[in-house]
Amino acid sequence: MRKLGIVILTVFIVAACSTTNTQPSNQTSTPTVEPLVLTTPRTTSAPTKTPTASLPEPSPTSDSIKTGYQAGIVLDPALKNEETPIISAWMGYAISRTEWIQANVSTDEIVQRGYERTFEEEVSARSTLAILWKELRGPDTSLKNPYLDDLLKVYEAGYIKEYTWIFLASSDWLQPDGLLLEEFSAWSKKNLINHSPETHADVEITVTP
């Protein structure tokens, strides 16, 4: 998935981790200007013992250092020339991905291993993109976008998983079970003529101290 520009929103999540070394994300962060930060603490407090005598304040240890990550939404600068419904649909796609990550991937896992886009995440986000495009376009038949129109046809035909695997798969994905690839191939030859996949929004994960 190609890198995009302009960071629109940043969600900041904090968790208690057992190391002071933060691991960089597998994606290159994009410079931002005072991003909107939403803080969702994910910390646990160890029980404290009442001292029997006055003791000096303990120095911070590696176990007490808090580490988290930022999920930044970025949009393709080319979208600035598009109609508002098109921009909104792609914004919804990126937001859907950040929500999927927060719901399905632990903060500790991201901090320790980094994060790569998954098949399930992409299926969920492309479904959201198709649904949003249908709602935002509404009855206005004059508003067209070749890619989004094709994606909506795929979604309504029930082939969004097959589409994601054929057109958007990452090299490190394992093929999911139950894909109707032969059916989709026959359908796409009639309904996705000269189709090229597009991605105009992305999510960048950055581990933070």
Foldseek 3Di string as FASTA:
>chain_A
DDDAADWAAKEKEKEQDQAPDWDWAPDDDYDDDPHDYDYDYHYDDDDDDDDPDDDDDDDDDSRRDMKFKMKTKGFHPVCVPPDPLLVVLLVQLAVQLVVCCVVPPDRRCCRVPHDDDALVSNLRSLLSSLVSSCVSCDPVPVDDDVQSVLSVVCVVVPQSSLCCCPQPDDPPYDDDPDHPNVVVVVVCVVRVPPHHDDRGMYIGMTMDD
